[in-house]
Amino acid sequence: MKINHIPMTVSGLEKLQTELKYLKNKIRPKIISEIAKAREYGDLKENAEYHSAREEQSFCEGRIKEIENKLSYSQIIDVTKITNTGKVIFGATVTVLNLKINKEFTYCIVGDEESDLKKNFISINSPIARGLIGKKKEEVVSIKTPRGNVGYRILDIQHK
């Protein structure tokens, strides 16, 4: 069986580790306490507090397992430790000019888990990121979008 590694930036790793620590050290004990308190109310079949706490426990444990799994398969890529060749790579922050609407956009190329378009973090698997990877400053790339091909000129590449 081939193991697929999940590319992740250092900040993405830290974010997941912080969430995992919070779930294990704060949320899990709180839920256990709620379950114990709800059991004191008697009959568990009709105990809404008990069922609510158990449902919350199930969600929490599922998220803990999900994070632990992602961390076990993660491949941490620290862009600051990679020699800057002037090309767009995973973890780079890229400023592009959309030639169709003459508007600049800045994106950071990250793993799927970290992507957040509102913060301009785009997944390495997105069409824009795939089109930019390996290109240099001032190159023009054509990206296939639902509204047709769009040209982008690479204005700046930062490895931070």
Protein backbone atom coordinates (compact mmCIF):
# COMPACT_ATOMS: atom_id res chain seq x y z
CA MET A 1 0.00 0.00 0.00
CA LYS A 2 1.41 3.38 -1.04
CA ILE A 3 1.31 6.09 1.61
CA ASN A 4 0.34 9.51 0.31
CA HIS A 5 2.11 12.28 2.13
CA ILE A 6 0.19 15.45 2.86
CA PRO A 7 2.28 18.55 2.06
CA MET A 8 2.08 21.13 4.83
CA THR A 9 3.80 24.38 5.72
CA VAL A 10 5.40 24.94 9.13
CA SER A 11 2.57 27.30 10.13
CA GLY A 12 0.00 24.69 9.06
CA LEU A 13 1.73 22.12 11.25
CA GLU A 14 1.75 24.50 14.21
CA LYS A 15 -1.94 25.30 13.73
CA LEU A 16 -2.91 21.60 13.75
CA GLN A 17 -0.69 20.87 16.76
CA THR A 18 -2.29 23.77 18.67
CA GLU A 19 -5.80 22.55 17.84
CA LEU A 20 -4.90 18.98 18.87
CA LYS A 21 -3.47 20.15 22.20
CA TYR A 22 -6.58 22.27 22.85
CA LEU A 23 -8.94 19.38 22.06
CA LYS A 24 -7.01 16.92 24.24
CA ASN A 25 -6.25 19.19 27.19
CA LYS A 26 -9.30 21.47 27.37
CA ILE A 27 -12.28 20.12 25.45
CA ARG A 28 -11.91 16.38 26.19
CA PRO A 29 -11.74 16.84 30.02
CA LYS A 30 -14.68 19.29 29.88
CA ILE A 31 -16.81 16.74 27.99
CA ILE A 32 -15.86 13.93 30.38
CA SER A 33 -16.95 16.14 33.27
CA GLU A 34 -20.26 16.94 31.51
CA ILE A 35 -20.93 13.23 30.94
CA ALA A 36 -20.22 12.42 34.60
CA LYS A 37 -22.51 15.25 35.73
CA ALA A 38 -25.29 14.15 33.35
CA ARG A 39 -25.12 10.56 34.65
CA GLU A 40 -26.04 11.87 38.09
CA TYR A 41 -29.45 12.86 36.74
CA GLY A 42 -30.47 9.21 36.54
CA ASP A 43 -32.11 7.38 33.61
CA LEU A 44 -29.75 7.75 30.64
CA LYS A 45 -32.36 6.80 28.02
CA GLU A 46 -34.22 10.08 28.37
CA ASN A 47 -31.33 12.24 29.57
CA ALA A 48 -30.84 15.02 26.99
CA GLU A 49 -27.73 16.40 28.71
CA TYR A 50 -26.08 12.97 28.61
CA HIS A 51 -26.88 12.40 24.92
CA SER A 52 -25.70 15.91 24.01
CA ALA A 53 -22.40 15.40 25.86
CA ARG A 54 -21.87 11.99 24.23
CA GLU A 55 -22.52 13.50 20.80
CA GLU A 56 -20.01 16.27 21.55
CA GLN A 57 -17.54 13.62 22.73
CA SER A 58 -17.96 11.68 19.49
CA PHE A 59 -17.29 14.79 17.41
CA CYS A 60 -14.24 15.73 19.51
CA GLU A 61 -12.70 12.24 19.34
CA GLY A 62 -13.32 12.12 15.59
CA ARG A 63 -11.53 15.43 15.09
CA ILE A 64 -8.63 14.28 17.30
CA LYS A 65 -8.23 11.14 15.18
CA GLU A 66 -8.46 13.18 11.96
CA ILE A 67 -5.73 15.59 13.11
CA GLU A 68 -3.47 12.80 14.36
CA ASN A 69 -3.87 11.02 11.02
CA LYS A 70 -3.01 14.16 9.05
CA LEU A 71 0.00 14.81 11.23
CA SER A 72 1.23 11.24 10.82
CA TYR A 73 1.12 11.55 7.01
CA SER A 74 2.24 15.17 6.79
CA GLN A 75 5.35 16.18 4.92
CA ILE A 76 6.48 19.48 6.41
CA ILE A 77 7.97 21.84 3.87
CA ASP A 78 9.79 24.88 5.24
CA VAL A 79 10.10 27.20 2.25
CA THR A 80 12.69 29.34 4.08
CA LYS A 81 15.11 26.39 4.06
CA ILE A 82 14.78 25.75 0.31
CA THR A 83 17.23 27.48 -2.01
CA ASN A 84 15.42 30.27 -3.82
CA THR A 85 15.70 29.53 -7.54
CA GLY A 86 13.31 32.33 -8.49
CA LYS A 87 10.57 29.81 -9.28
CA VAL A 88 7.14 29.37 -7.74
CA ILE A 89 7.20 26.47 -5.28
CA PHE A 90 4.99 25.07 -2.52
CA GLY A 91 4.82 27.58 0.33
CA ALA A 92 5.74 30.57 -1.85
CA THR A 93 3.73 33.77 -1.82
CA VAL A 94 3.01 34.85 -5.39
CA THR A 95 1.66 38.15 -6.67
CA VAL A 96 0.01 37.87 -10.07
CA LEU A 97 -1.80 40.18 -12.43
CA ASN A 98 -5.02 38.82 -13.87
CA LEU A 99 -4.71 39.97 -17.48
CA LYS A 100 -8.42 39.56 -18.17
CA ILE A 101 -9.55 42.08 -15.54
CA ASN A 102 -6.21 43.89 -14.98
CA LYS A 103 -6.25 43.25 -11.22
CA GLU A 104 -3.47 42.07 -8.89
CA PHE A 105 -3.86 39.12 -6.51
CA THR A 106 -1.44 37.71 -3.95
CA TYR A 107 -1.66 34.02 -3.04
CA CYS A 108 0.28 31.75 -0.73
CA ILE A 109 0.43 28.16 -2.03
CA VAL A 110 -0.29 25.72 0.81
CA GLY A 111 -1.59 22.22 1.48
CA ASP A 112 -5.26 21.28 1.24
CA GLU A 113 -5.74 21.43 5.02
CA GLU A 114 -4.43 25.00 5.17
CA SER A 115 -6.20 26.48 2.15
CA ASP A 116 -8.46 29.45 2.90
CA LEU A 117 -9.35 31.68 -0.03
CA LYS A 118 -10.50 34.48 2.31
CA LYS A 119 -6.91 34.68 3.58
CA ASN A 120 -5.49 34.15 0.05
CA PHE A 121 -4.11 30.69 0.94
CA ILE A 122 -4.70 28.48 -2.09
CA SER A 123 -4.32 24.71 -2.23
CA ILE A 124 -1.39 23.21 -4.10
CA ASN A 125 -4.06 21.18 -5.93
CA SER A 126 -6.00 24.23 -7.19
CA PRO A 127 -5.82 25.06 -10.90
CA ILE A 128 -4.11 28.41 -10.23
CA ALA A 129 -1.41 26.87 -8.00
CA ARG A 130 -0.79 24.01 -10.43
CA GLY A 131 -0.42 26.53 -13.26
CA LEU A 132 2.01 28.70 -11.29
CA ILE A 133 4.30 25.99 -9.87
CA GLY A 134 7.71 26.02 -11.54
CA LYS A 135 7.20 29.38 -13.27
CA LYS A 136 9.39 32.47 -12.85
CA LYS A 137 8.77 36.18 -12.32
CA GLU A 138 7.37 37.98 -15.40
CA GLU A 139 6.18 34.72 -17.01
CA VAL A 140 2.64 34.66 -18.30
CA VAL A 141 0.59 31.54 -17.63
CA SER A 142 -2.81 30.54 -18.91
CA ILE A 143 -5.10 28.94 -16.31
CA LYS A 144 -8.20 27.04 -17.32
CA THR A 145 -11.16 28.29 -15.27
CA PRO A 146 -14.92 27.63 -15.44
CA ARG A 147 -15.24 30.90 -17.40
CA GLY A 148 -12.52 29.98 -19.87
CA ASN A 149 -8.76 30.46 -19.95
CA VAL A 150 -7.37 33.37 -17.94
CA GLY A 151 -3.88 34.77 -18.36
CA TYR A 152 -1.80 35.70 -15.31
CA ARG A 153 1.54 37.54 -15.28
CA ILE A 154 3.73 36.68 -12.30
CA LEU A 155 4.77 39.97 -10.70
CA ASP A 156 6.54 38.75 -7.57
CA ILE A 157 7.58 35.53 -5.83
CA GLN A 158 8.47 35.49 -2.15
CA HIS A 159 9.80 32.57 -0.15
CA LYS A 160 8.96 33.48 3.43
